[in-house]
Amino acid sequence: MILSITQFGDPVLRKRCREVKEVTDEIRSLVEDMIETMHDANGVGLAAPQVGIDLRLAVVDVSHDPDCVSFLRVNGEEVSVTEIMPLVFINPTFKKGGGKERMEEGCLSIHEVRAEVQRPGMVDGIFPQLDGSELRIETDGLLARVIQHETDHLNGVLFVDRLSAAGKLMVRGELKRLKG
């Protein structure tokens, strides 16, 4: 089922989300709906608050660009992006590393606003799965960026909060219009 995507100005996008305590059938169904919604909207990631639910849960799918990373290790083994997509994770914990990289970002919850965001180039962390297992993922490139972007949503942070002062000035008018 395609879900409605929460838009800029909705308070749920600014909440630090609650941890997922137990994976229920309701959570599994939500994940299926989130993946369908993300694909329908041509997105590469979607976090639960973006569909109005304050849970530490996100989905990511960068399989459209299997060369979007220079490395991807899952539990210490080299794997291809397509092997783990769509990636679903709950209550993630990770470290950021590598040099800072600038890349244009957008967000399904902030239509038509795109801007350059500087983020660490790599992530290394633990991503709990719906079946109770954990994936240790080490990666860079677009996948690392999307993981950081979606995890920011779980903490009530939007990509526009990460813009430089000049970047914030450039999007201020558009954000004011969207908040309406």
N, C-alpha and C. Protein backbone atom coordinates (compact mmCIF):
# COMPACT_ATOMS: atom_id res chain seq x y z
N MET A 1 0.84 -1.18 0.00
CA MET A 1 0.00 0.00 0.00
C MET A 1 0.89 1.25 0.00
N ILE A 2 0.57 2.17 -0.88
CA ILE A 2 1.30 3.43 -0.94
C ILE A 2 0.85 4.31 0.23
N LEU A 3 1.81 4.76 1.00
CA LEU A 3 1.53 5.62 2.15
C LEU A 3 1.69 7.09 1.77
N SER A 4 1.06 7.95 2.52
CA SER A 4 1.21 9.39 2.33
C SER A 4 2.55 9.82 2.94
N ILE A 5 3.30 10.60 2.20
CA ILE A 5 4.61 11.07 2.69
C ILE A 5 4.43 12.39 3.41
N THR A 6 4.85 12.41 4.66
CA THR A 6 4.77 13.58 5.51
C THR A 6 5.64 14.70 4.92
N GLN A 7 5.12 15.92 4.92
CA GLN A 7 5.84 17.02 4.30
C GLN A 7 6.39 18.02 5.32
N PHE A 8 7.38 18.77 4.87
CA PHE A 8 8.06 19.79 5.66
C PHE A 8 7.04 20.64 6.43
N GLY A 9 7.31 20.82 7.71
CA GLY A 9 6.42 21.59 8.57
C GLY A 9 5.66 20.70 9.54
N ASP A 10 5.54 19.40 9.21
CA ASP A 10 4.86 18.48 10.12
C ASP A 10 5.78 18.21 11.32
N PRO A 11 5.28 18.34 12.54
CA PRO A 11 6.11 18.18 13.74
C PRO A 11 6.79 16.81 13.88
N VAL A 12 6.22 15.75 13.30
CA VAL A 12 6.83 14.42 13.43
C VAL A 12 8.22 14.39 12.81
N LEU A 13 8.47 15.25 11.83
CA LEU A 13 9.78 15.28 11.18
C LEU A 13 10.86 15.88 12.08
N ARG A 14 10.45 16.50 13.17
CA ARG A 14 11.41 17.12 14.09
C ARG A 14 11.55 16.36 15.41
N LYS A 15 10.92 15.20 15.50
CA LYS A 15 10.98 14.40 16.73
C LYS A 15 12.13 13.41 16.69
N ARG A 16 12.74 13.18 17.84
CA ARG A 16 13.66 12.05 17.96
C ARG A 16 12.75 10.83 18.13
N CYS A 17 12.86 9.90 17.22
CA CYS A 17 11.93 8.77 17.18
C CYS A 17 12.18 7.76 18.29
N ARG A 18 11.12 7.05 18.62
CA ARG A 18 11.17 5.99 19.63
C ARG A 18 11.85 4.76 19.05
N GLU A 19 12.55 4.03 19.91
CA GLU A 19 13.17 2.78 19.47
C GLU A 19 12.09 1.74 19.18
N VAL A 20 12.39 0.88 18.24
CA VAL A 20 11.53 -0.26 17.97
C VAL A 20 11.86 -1.29 19.05
N LYS A 21 10.90 -1.62 19.88
CA LYS A 21 11.13 -2.57 20.99
C LYS A 21 10.93 -4.01 20.55
N GLU A 22 9.97 -4.21 19.63
CA GLU A 22 9.64 -5.56 19.20
C GLU A 22 9.19 -5.50 17.74
N VAL A 23 9.65 -6.45 16.95
CA VAL A 23 9.22 -6.51 15.55
C VAL A 23 7.97 -7.36 15.49
N THR A 24 6.88 -6.69 15.14
CA THR A 24 5.57 -7.34 15.07
C THR A 24 5.13 -7.47 13.60
N ASP A 25 4.02 -8.14 13.39
CA ASP A 25 3.46 -8.21 12.04
C ASP A 25 3.13 -6.82 11.52
N GLU A 26 2.70 -5.95 12.43
CA GLU A 26 2.38 -4.56 12.05
C GLU A 26 3.64 -3.85 11.54
N ILE A 27 4.77 -4.07 12.20
CA ILE A 27 6.04 -3.46 11.77
C ILE A 27 6.45 -4.04 10.41
N ARG A 28 6.34 -5.33 10.24
CA ARG A 28 6.69 -5.96 8.95
C ARG A 28 5.82 -5.41 7.82
N SER A 29 4.55 -5.24 8.08
CA SER A 29 3.63 -4.68 7.09
C SER A 29 4.00 -3.22 6.77
N LEU A 30 4.34 -2.47 7.81
CA LEU A 30 4.78 -1.08 7.63
C LEU A 30 6.01 -1.04 6.72
N VAL A 31 6.97 -1.93 6.95
CA VAL A 31 8.18 -1.96 6.13
C VAL A 31 7.84 -2.23 4.67
N GLU A 32 6.97 -3.20 4.41
CA GLU A 32 6.56 -3.49 3.03
C GLU A 32 5.93 -2.25 2.39
N ASP A 33 5.06 -1.57 3.14
CA ASP A 33 4.42 -0.36 2.63
C ASP A 33 5.43 0.76 2.40
N MET A 34 6.41 0.88 3.29
CA MET A 34 7.44 1.92 3.13
C MET A 34 8.29 1.67 1.89
N ILE A 35 8.64 0.42 1.65
CA ILE A 35 9.43 0.10 0.45
C ILE A 35 8.62 0.42 -0.80
N GLU A 36 7.36 0.02 -0.80
CA GLU A 36 6.50 0.30 -1.95
C GLU A 36 6.35 1.81 -2.16
N THR A 37 6.19 2.55 -1.07
CA THR A 37 6.04 4.01 -1.14
C THR A 37 7.32 4.65 -1.66
N MET A 38 8.47 4.22 -1.15
CA MET A 38 9.77 4.75 -1.59
C MET A 38 9.95 4.53 -3.09
N HIS A 39 9.69 3.33 -3.55
CA HIS A 39 9.84 3.03 -4.98
C HIS A 39 8.85 3.84 -5.82
N ASP A 40 7.62 3.95 -5.36
CA ASP A 40 6.60 4.71 -6.09
C ASP A 40 7.00 6.19 -6.24
N ALA A 41 7.68 6.72 -5.22
CA ALA A 41 8.09 8.13 -5.22
C ALA A 41 9.47 8.32 -5.86
N ASN A 42 10.05 7.23 -6.40
CA ASN A 42 11.38 7.29 -7.00
C ASN A 42 12.44 7.78 -6.01
N GLY A 43 12.30 7.35 -4.75
CA GLY A 43 13.27 7.72 -3.73
C GLY A 43 14.30 6.63 -3.54
N VAL A 44 15.37 6.97 -2.82
CA VAL A 44 16.41 6.00 -2.48
C VAL A 44 16.41 5.67 -0.99
N GLY A 45 15.56 6.34 -0.23
CA GLY A 45 15.46 6.07 1.19
C GLY A 45 14.17 6.65 1.74
N LEU A 46 13.71 6.06 2.83
CA LEU A 46 12.49 6.54 3.48
C LEU A 46 12.55 6.11 4.93
N ALA A 47 12.34 7.06 5.82
CA ALA A 47 12.34 6.79 7.26
C ALA A 47 10.90 6.85 7.78
N ALA A 48 10.64 6.11 8.84
CA ALA A 48 9.28 6.02 9.39
C ALA A 48 8.65 7.39 9.66
N PRO A 49 9.37 8.39 10.21
CA PRO A 49 8.71 9.67 10.42
C PRO A 49 8.23 10.33 9.12
N GLN A 50 8.80 9.92 8.00
CA GLN A 50 8.36 10.48 6.72
C GLN A 50 7.00 9.93 6.29
N VAL A 51 6.53 8.91 6.99
CA VAL A 51 5.16 8.43 6.77
C VAL A 51 4.34 8.63 8.05
N GLY A 52 4.81 9.56 8.90
CA GLY A 52 4.04 9.97 10.07
C GLY A 52 4.20 9.11 11.30
N ILE A 53 5.20 8.23 11.33
CA ILE A 53 5.35 7.31 12.46
C ILE A 53 6.70 7.54 13.13
N ASP A 54 6.68 7.85 14.41
CA ASP A 54 7.94 8.17 15.11
C ASP A 54 8.62 6.92 15.67
N LEU A 55 9.10 6.09 14.76
CA LEU A 55 9.86 4.88 15.11
C LEU A 55 11.22 4.93 14.43
N ARG A 56 12.23 4.34 15.08
CA ARG A 56 13.59 4.29 14.53
C ARG A 56 13.69 3.15 13.52
N LEU A 57 13.13 3.41 12.36
CA LEU A 57 13.00 2.42 11.30
C LEU A 57 13.17 3.13 9.96
N ALA A 58 13.98 2.55 9.07
CA ALA A 58 14.18 3.15 7.75
C ALA A 58 14.41 2.08 6.71
N VAL A 59 14.15 2.44 5.46
CA VAL A 59 14.42 1.57 4.32
C VAL A 59 15.27 2.36 3.32
N VAL A 60 16.15 1.64 2.63
CA VAL A 60 17.06 2.23 1.67
C VAL A 60 17.13 1.30 0.46
N ASP A 61 17.18 1.89 -0.73
CA ASP A 61 17.40 1.08 -1.93
C ASP A 61 18.15 1.91 -2.97
N VAL A 62 19.43 1.59 -3.13
CA VAL A 62 20.27 2.25 -4.13
C VAL A 62 20.65 1.26 -5.23
N SER A 63 19.85 0.20 -5.39
CA SER A 63 20.18 -0.85 -6.36
C SER A 63 20.12 -0.36 -7.80
N HIS A 64 19.48 0.79 -8.04
CA HIS A 64 19.44 1.36 -9.40
C HIS A 64 20.84 1.75 -9.88
N ASP A 65 21.78 1.92 -8.93
CA ASP A 65 23.15 2.33 -9.25
C ASP A 65 24.12 1.43 -8.49
N PRO A 66 24.33 0.19 -8.98
CA PRO A 66 25.17 -0.76 -8.25
C PRO A 66 26.63 -0.32 -8.09
N ASP A 67 27.04 0.69 -8.84
CA ASP A 67 28.42 1.20 -8.73
C ASP A 67 28.50 2.46 -7.89
N CYS A 68 27.50 2.70 -7.04
CA CYS A 68 27.45 3.94 -6.26
C CYS A 68 28.36 3.91 -5.04
N VAL A 69 29.05 2.80 -4.81
CA VAL A 69 29.99 2.68 -3.69
C VAL A 69 31.31 2.15 -4.24
N SER A 70 32.40 2.48 -3.55
CA SER A 70 33.68 1.89 -3.96
C SER A 70 33.97 0.64 -3.15
N PHE A 71 33.28 0.49 -2.01
CA PHE A 71 33.39 -0.74 -1.22
C PHE A 71 32.13 -0.92 -0.39
N LEU A 72 31.82 -2.18 -0.14
CA LEU A 72 30.69 -2.53 0.73
C LEU A 72 31.03 -3.85 1.39
N ARG A 73 31.19 -3.79 2.71
CA ARG A 73 31.43 -5.01 3.48
C ARG A 73 30.25 -5.20 4.43
N VAL A 74 29.74 -6.41 4.42
CA VAL A 74 28.65 -6.79 5.33
C VAL A 74 29.17 -7.95 6.16
N ASN A 75 29.23 -7.73 7.47
CA ASN A 75 29.78 -8.74 8.40
C ASN A 75 31.16 -9.20 7.94
N GLY A 76 31.96 -8.24 7.46
CA GLY A 76 33.34 -8.50 7.08
C GLY A 76 33.55 -9.05 5.68
N GLU A 77 32.47 -9.36 4.97
CA GLU A 77 32.58 -9.93 3.62
C GLU A 77 32.25 -8.86 2.57
N GLU A 78 33.04 -8.83 1.49
CA GLU A 78 32.74 -7.95 0.36
C GLU A 78 31.46 -8.45 -0.32
N VAL A 79 30.50 -7.55 -0.52
CA VAL A 79 29.26 -7.89 -1.22
C VAL A 79 28.93 -6.78 -2.21
N SER A 80 28.03 -7.07 -3.13
CA SER A 80 27.56 -6.03 -4.05
C SER A 80 26.33 -5.37 -3.44
N VAL A 81 26.09 -4.15 -3.87
CA VAL A 81 24.94 -3.39 -3.39
C VAL A 81 23.64 -4.16 -3.60
N THR A 82 23.51 -4.79 -4.75
CA THR A 82 22.24 -5.47 -5.08
C THR A 82 21.94 -6.64 -4.15
N GLU A 83 22.97 -7.18 -3.50
CA GLU A 83 22.75 -8.32 -2.59
C GLU A 83 22.01 -7.96 -1.32
N ILE A 84 22.05 -6.69 -0.92
CA ILE A 84 21.42 -6.31 0.36
C ILE A 84 20.27 -5.33 0.20
N MET A 85 19.86 -5.06 -1.05
CA MET A 85 18.79 -4.10 -1.28
C MET A 85 17.47 -4.81 -1.49
N PRO A 86 16.35 -4.23 -1.03
CA PRO A 86 16.32 -3.03 -0.21
C PRO A 86 16.82 -3.34 1.20
N LEU A 87 17.56 -2.39 1.75
CA LEU A 87 18.09 -2.50 3.10
C LEU A 87 17.06 -1.93 4.07
N VAL A 88 16.70 -2.72 5.06
CA VAL A 88 15.78 -2.29 6.11
C VAL A 88 16.58 -2.30 7.40
N PHE A 89 16.48 -1.24 8.19
CA PHE A 89 17.17 -1.27 9.47
C PHE A 89 16.35 -0.57 10.55
N ILE A 90 16.54 -1.09 11.77
CA ILE A 90 15.86 -0.53 12.94
C ILE A 90 16.92 -0.18 13.98
N ASN A 91 16.70 0.89 14.70
CA ASN A 91 17.58 1.30 15.81
C ASN A 91 19.06 1.24 15.41
N PRO A 92 19.47 1.91 14.31
CA PRO A 92 20.86 1.81 13.86
C PRO A 92 21.84 2.53 14.78
N THR A 93 23.07 2.01 14.82
CA THR A 93 24.18 2.70 15.49
C THR A 93 25.38 2.59 14.57
N PHE A 94 26.03 3.71 14.32
CA PHE A 94 27.20 3.67 13.45
C PHE A 94 28.11 4.85 13.70
N LYS A 95 29.35 4.67 13.22
CA LYS A 95 30.34 5.75 13.25
C LYS A 95 30.47 6.28 11.84
N LYS A 96 30.75 7.57 11.76
CA LYS A 96 31.01 8.20 10.47
C LYS A 96 32.52 8.39 10.37
N GLY A 97 33.04 8.31 9.16
CA GLY A 97 34.47 8.49 9.00
C GLY A 97 34.82 8.93 7.61
N GLY A 98 36.11 8.94 7.35
CA GLY A 98 36.58 9.36 6.04
C GLY A 98 36.51 10.87 5.91
N GLY A 99 36.98 11.35 4.80
CA GLY A 99 36.93 12.79 4.55
C GLY A 99 35.52 13.26 4.29
N LYS A 100 35.32 14.54 4.46
CA LYS A 100 34.01 15.13 4.17
C LYS A 100 33.83 15.22 2.66
N GLU A 101 32.62 14.92 2.22
CA GLU A 101 32.29 14.97 0.80
C GLU A 101 31.04 15.80 0.60
N ARG A 102 31.02 16.56 -0.47
CA ARG A 102 29.84 17.37 -0.80
C ARG A 102 29.07 16.68 -1.92
N MET A 103 27.76 16.65 -1.76
CA MET A 103 26.92 16.06 -2.80
C MET A 103 25.53 16.71 -2.69
N GLU A 104 24.87 16.82 -3.81
CA GLU A 104 23.52 17.37 -3.79
C GLU A 104 22.57 16.35 -3.19
N GLU A 105 21.70 16.84 -2.31
CA GLU A 105 20.69 15.99 -1.69
C GLU A 105 19.32 16.62 -1.89
N GLY A 106 18.34 15.76 -1.82
CA GLY A 106 16.95 16.18 -1.81
C GLY A 106 16.24 15.31 -0.79
N CYS A 107 14.95 15.46 -0.67
CA CYS A 107 14.20 14.70 0.32
C CYS A 107 12.75 14.58 -0.12
N LEU A 108 12.20 13.37 0.02
CA LEU A 108 10.80 13.16 -0.35
C LEU A 108 9.85 14.01 0.51
N SER A 109 10.31 14.46 1.68
CA SER A 109 9.49 15.27 2.57
C SER A 109 9.69 16.78 2.35
N ILE A 110 10.59 17.13 1.45
CA ILE A 110 10.82 18.56 1.14
C ILE A 110 10.90 18.68 -0.38
N HIS A 111 9.74 18.60 -1.01
CA HIS A 111 9.68 18.59 -2.47
C HIS A 111 10.38 19.79 -3.09
N GLU A 112 11.05 19.52 -4.19
CA GLU A 112 11.63 20.54 -5.05
C GLU A 112 12.78 21.32 -4.44
N VAL A 113 13.24 20.96 -3.26
CA VAL A 113 14.40 21.63 -2.68
C VAL A 113 15.58 20.65 -2.75
N ARG A 114 16.63 21.09 -3.40
CA ARG A 114 17.86 20.31 -3.50
C ARG A 114 19.01 21.25 -3.18
N ALA A 115 20.02 20.72 -2.49
CA ALA A 115 21.16 21.56 -2.13
C ALA A 115 22.37 20.69 -1.82
N GLU A 116 23.54 21.29 -1.91
CA GLU A 116 24.80 20.61 -1.60
C GLU A 116 24.92 20.44 -0.08
N VAL A 117 25.18 19.21 0.34
CA VAL A 117 25.34 18.90 1.76
C VAL A 117 26.70 18.22 1.94
N GLN A 118 27.43 18.67 2.95
CA GLN A 118 28.71 18.05 3.27
C GLN A 118 28.50 17.02 4.38
N ARG A 119 28.97 15.80 4.13
CA ARG A 119 28.84 14.71 5.10
C ARG A 119 30.12 13.88 5.07
N PRO A 120 30.37 13.13 6.15
CA PRO A 120 31.48 12.17 6.12
C PRO A 120 31.27 11.18 4.99
N GLY A 121 32.36 10.71 4.43
CA GLY A 121 32.29 9.85 3.25
C GLY A 121 32.01 8.39 3.54
N MET A 122 32.15 7.95 4.79
CA MET A 122 31.98 6.52 5.09
C MET A 122 31.15 6.32 6.35
N VAL A 123 30.54 5.14 6.43
CA VAL A 123 29.87 4.71 7.67
C VAL A 123 30.33 3.29 7.99
N ASP A 124 30.33 3.01 9.28
CA ASP A 124 30.69 1.69 9.80
C ASP A 124 29.80 1.48 11.00
N GLY A 125 28.87 0.54 10.90
CA GLY A 125 27.97 0.39 12.02
C GLY A 125 27.15 -0.88 12.01
N ILE A 126 26.29 -0.94 13.01
CA ILE A 126 25.42 -2.09 13.24
C ILE A 126 24.00 -1.69 12.85
N PHE A 127 23.39 -2.52 11.99
CA PHE A 127 22.06 -2.25 11.49
C PHE A 127 21.17 -3.46 11.79
N PRO A 128 20.43 -3.40 12.92
CA PRO A 128 19.53 -4.50 13.27
C PRO A 128 18.48 -4.74 12.19
N GLN A 129 18.17 -6.01 11.98
CA GLN A 129 17.23 -6.44 10.96
C GLN A 129 15.91 -6.89 11.58
N LEU A 130 14.91 -7.02 10.75
CA LEU A 130 13.58 -7.43 11.23
C LEU A 130 13.58 -8.82 11.84
N ASP A 131 14.47 -9.70 11.38
CA ASP A 131 14.51 -11.07 11.90
C ASP A 131 15.32 -11.22 13.18
N GLY A 132 15.79 -10.11 13.73
CA GLY A 132 16.57 -10.14 14.97
C GLY A 132 18.07 -10.20 14.75
N SER A 133 18.49 -10.46 13.52
CA SER A 133 19.93 -10.48 13.23
C SER A 133 20.45 -9.05 13.12
N GLU A 134 21.76 -8.93 13.05
CA GLU A 134 22.38 -7.62 12.87
C GLU A 134 23.35 -7.69 11.72
N LEU A 135 23.37 -6.64 10.91
CA LEU A 135 24.36 -6.52 9.85
C LEU A 135 25.37 -5.47 10.26
N ARG A 136 26.64 -5.81 10.17
CA ARG A 136 27.67 -4.79 10.34
C ARG A 136 28.03 -4.34 8.93
N ILE A 137 27.72 -3.10 8.65
CA ILE A 137 27.92 -2.56 7.31
C ILE A 137 29.01 -1.50 7.34
N GLU A 138 29.96 -1.66 6.43
CA GLU A 138 31.01 -0.67 6.22
C GLU A 138 30.91 -0.28 4.74
N THR A 139 30.73 1.00 4.46
CA THR A 139 30.56 1.42 3.08
C THR A 139 30.84 2.91 2.91
N ASP A 140 30.82 3.32 1.66
CA ASP A 140 31.02 4.72 1.32
C ASP A 140 30.03 5.11 0.23
N GLY A 141 30.29 6.20 -0.44
CA GLY A 141 29.50 6.61 -1.58
C GLY A 141 28.06 6.94 -1.26
N LEU A 142 27.21 6.74 -2.26
CA LEU A 142 25.79 7.08 -2.11
C LEU A 142 25.13 6.31 -0.98
N LEU A 143 25.49 5.05 -0.80
CA LEU A 143 24.87 4.26 0.26
C LEU A 143 25.16 4.86 1.63
N ALA A 144 26.41 5.25 1.87
CA ALA A 144 26.76 5.88 3.16
C ALA A 144 25.98 7.18 3.35
N ARG A 145 25.84 7.94 2.30
CA ARG A 145 25.11 9.22 2.37
C ARG A 145 23.63 8.97 2.70
N VAL A 146 23.02 8.02 2.01
CA VAL A 146 21.59 7.76 2.24
C VAL A 146 21.36 7.22 3.65
N ILE A 147 22.25 6.35 4.13
CA ILE A 147 22.13 5.86 5.50
C ILE A 147 22.17 7.02 6.48
N GLN A 148 23.09 7.95 6.28
CA GLN A 148 23.19 9.11 7.18
C GLN A 148 21.95 9.99 7.08
N HIS A 149 21.47 10.21 5.87
CA HIS A 149 20.29 11.05 5.65
C HIS A 149 19.07 10.45 6.35
N GLU A 150 18.85 9.16 6.15
CA GLU A 150 17.68 8.51 6.77
C GLU A 150 17.81 8.44 8.29
N THR A 151 19.01 8.20 8.78
CA THR A 151 19.21 8.17 10.23
C THR A 151 19.01 9.55 10.83
N ASP A 152 19.39 10.60 10.10
CA ASP A 152 19.08 11.96 10.56
C ASP A 152 17.58 12.11 10.79
N HIS A 153 16.76 11.57 9.88
CA HIS A 153 15.31 11.65 10.06
C HIS A 153 14.88 11.02 11.38
N LEU A 154 15.53 9.95 11.78
CA LEU A 154 15.18 9.26 13.02
C LEU A 154 15.52 10.10 14.25
N ASN A 155 16.37 11.11 14.04
CA ASN A 155 16.78 12.01 15.11
C ASN A 155 16.14 13.39 14.99
N GLY A 156 15.18 13.54 14.09
CA GLY A 156 14.50 14.83 13.92
C GLY A 156 15.33 15.86 13.18
N VAL A 157 16.32 15.42 12.42
CA VAL A 157 17.19 16.32 11.67
C VAL A 157 16.88 16.19 10.18
N LEU A 158 16.77 17.33 9.50
CA LEU A 158 16.53 17.34 8.06
C LEU A 158 17.79 17.76 7.33
N PHE A 159 17.90 17.38 6.06
CA PHE A 159 19.12 17.70 5.33
C PHE A 159 19.36 19.20 5.25
N VAL A 160 18.30 20.00 5.26
CA VAL A 160 18.47 21.46 5.21
C VAL A 160 19.13 22.00 6.47
N ASP A 161 19.07 21.25 7.56
CA ASP A 161 19.74 21.65 8.80
C ASP A 161 21.26 21.53 8.65
N ARG A 162 21.71 20.72 7.72
CA ARG A 162 23.14 20.44 7.52
C ARG A 162 23.78 21.35 6.47
N LEU A 163 23.00 22.27 5.93
CA LEU A 163 23.53 23.17 4.91
C LEU A 163 24.45 24.22 5.53
N SER A 164 25.36 24.72 4.70
CA SER A 164 26.20 25.84 5.12
C SER A 164 25.30 27.06 5.31
N ALA A 165 25.84 28.11 5.92
CA ALA A 165 25.06 29.34 6.11
C ALA A 165 24.57 29.87 4.77
N ALA A 166 25.42 29.86 3.77
CA ALA A 166 25.03 30.33 2.44
C ALA A 166 23.95 29.43 1.84
N GLY A 167 24.08 28.12 2.03
CA GLY A 167 23.09 27.18 1.53
C GLY A 167 21.74 27.41 2.18
N LYS A 168 21.74 27.66 3.48
CA LYS A 168 20.48 27.91 4.19
C LYS A 168 19.80 29.18 3.66
N LEU A 169 20.60 30.20 3.38
CA LEU A 169 20.03 31.42 2.81
C LEU A 169 19.39 31.16 1.45
N MET A 170 20.04 30.30 0.67
CA MET A 170 19.54 30.03 -0.68
C MET A 170 18.19 29.31 -0.67
N VAL A 171 17.93 28.47 0.33
CA VAL A 171 16.68 27.71 0.35
C VAL A 171 15.63 28.29 1.31
N ARG A 172 16.00 29.34 2.03
CA ARG A 172 15.10 29.89 3.04
C ARG A 172 13.73 30.25 2.49
N GLY A 173 13.68 30.94 1.35
CA GLY A 173 12.41 31.36 0.77
C GLY A 173 11.54 30.17 0.37
N GLU A 174 12.16 29.17 -0.23
CA GLU A 174 11.43 27.99 -0.65
C GLU A 174 10.88 27.23 0.57
N LEU A 175 11.67 27.12 1.63
CA LEU A 175 11.21 26.43 2.84
C LEU A 175 10.04 27.20 3.48
N LYS A 176 10.12 28.52 3.48
CA LYS A 176 9.04 29.33 4.02
C LYS A 176 7.74 29.09 3.24
N ARG A 177 7.88 29.01 1.92
CA ARG A 177 6.72 28.76 1.06
C ARG A 177 6.13 27.37 1.35
N LEU A 178 7.00 26.35 1.51
CA LEU A 178 6.53 24.99 1.76
C LEU A 178 5.84 24.87 3.11
N LYS A 179 6.38 25.57 4.10
CA LYS A 179 5.81 25.49 5.45
C LYS A 179 4.45 26.16 5.48
N GLY A 180 4.31 27.16 4.61
CA GLY A 180 3.08 27.89 4.37
C GLY A 180 2.30 28.25 5.53
